[in-house]
């Protein structure tokens, strides 16, 4: 992911909103709980409740389709 996306995800997570990432190297994904700006890492909680710390350069942002009627 690009640094701009990393910074955006950090702002979302810090504001209390949900931000999700995928880590292709480990085939895991999770919800961002915090960021470590000094090292460029994202801390995420997996669906199994485990905590992971990944470099933003190794992650992809997960987006969810908007809810509502499909047109």
Protein backbone atom coordinates (compact mmCIF):
# COMPACT_ATOMS: atom_id res chain seq x y z
CA UNK A 1 0.00 0.00 0.00
CA UNK A 2 1.10 3.57 -0.54
CA UNK A 3 2.11 5.77 2.37
CA UNK A 4 -0.90 8.04 1.76
CA UNK A 5 -3.25 5.06 2.20
CA UNK A 6 -1.41 4.09 5.39
CA UNK A 7 -1.83 7.57 6.83
CA UNK A 8 -5.50 7.60 5.84
CA UNK A 9 -6.13 4.22 7.53
CA UNK A 10 -4.39 5.46 10.67
CA UNK A 11 -6.64 8.52 10.82
CA UNK A 12 -9.73 6.34 10.37
CA UNK A 13 -8.65 3.91 13.10
CA UNK A 14 -7.66 6.70 15.50
CA UNK A 15 -11.06 8.34 15.07
CA UNK A 16 -12.76 5.12 16.21
CA UNK A 17 -14.00 4.01 12.80
CA UNK A 18 -13.38 0.57 11.33
CA UNK A 19 -10.47 0.15 8.92
CA UNK A 20 -9.54 -3.24 7.49
CA UNK A 21 -6.35 -4.55 5.91
CA UNK A 22 -5.15 -7.70 4.20
CA UNK A 23 -1.62 -9.10 4.60
CA UNK A 24 -1.01 -11.26 1.50
CA UNK A 25 2.28 -12.65 2.84
CA UNK A 26 0.54 -14.45 5.68
CA UNK A 27 -2.88 -14.74 4.01
CA UNK A 28 -4.43 -12.96 7.02
CA UNK A 29 -6.61 -9.91 7.42
CA UNK A 30 -7.76 -7.79 10.31
CA UNK A 31 -9.16 -4.57 11.68
CA UNK A 32 -6.63 -1.81 12.30
CA UNK A 33 -6.48 -0.96 16.01
CA UNK A 34 -3.50 1.41 15.96
CA UNK A 35 -0.48 2.58 14.00
CA UNK A 36 3.21 2.95 14.80
CA UNK A 37 4.29 6.00 12.77
CA UNK A 38 7.96 5.72 13.75
CA UNK A 39 8.26 2.36 11.96
CA UNK A 40 5.34 2.50 9.51
CA UNK A 41 3.50 -0.47 11.01
CA UNK A 42 -0.18 -1.22 11.44
CA UNK A 43 -1.46 -3.15 14.45
CA UNK A 44 -4.49 -5.24 13.55
CA UNK A 45 -6.85 -7.68 15.28
CA UNK A 46 -7.66 -10.77 13.22
CA UNK A 47 -11.15 -12.34 13.21
CA UNK A 48 -9.72 -14.97 15.59
CA UNK A 49 -8.87 -12.22 18.10
CA UNK A 50 -5.11 -12.39 17.58
CA UNK A 51 -3.04 -9.21 17.32
CA UNK A 52 -0.68 -8.72 14.38
CA UNK A 53 1.83 -5.99 13.53
CA UNK A 54 2.58 -5.54 9.82
CA UNK A 55 4.52 -3.04 7.73
CA UNK A 56 2.18 -0.89 5.66
CA UNK A 57 4.25 -1.70 2.55
CA UNK A 58 3.25 -5.37 2.90
CA UNK A 59 -0.50 -4.70 3.31
CA UNK A 60 -3.50 -3.92 1.17
CA UNK A 61 -6.52 -1.90 2.24
CA UNK A 62 -9.76 -3.88 2.30
CA UNK A 63 -12.84 -1.99 1.22
CA UNK A 64 -16.43 -3.01 1.73
CA UNK A 65 -19.16 -2.32 -0.80
CA UNK A 66 -21.74 0.23 0.21
CA UNK A 67 -24.85 -1.17 1.83
CA UNK A 68 -28.15 -0.59 0.15
CA UNK A 69 -30.11 -1.60 -2.90
CA UNK A 70 -28.18 -2.72 -5.91
CA UNK A 71 -29.09 -0.68 -8.98
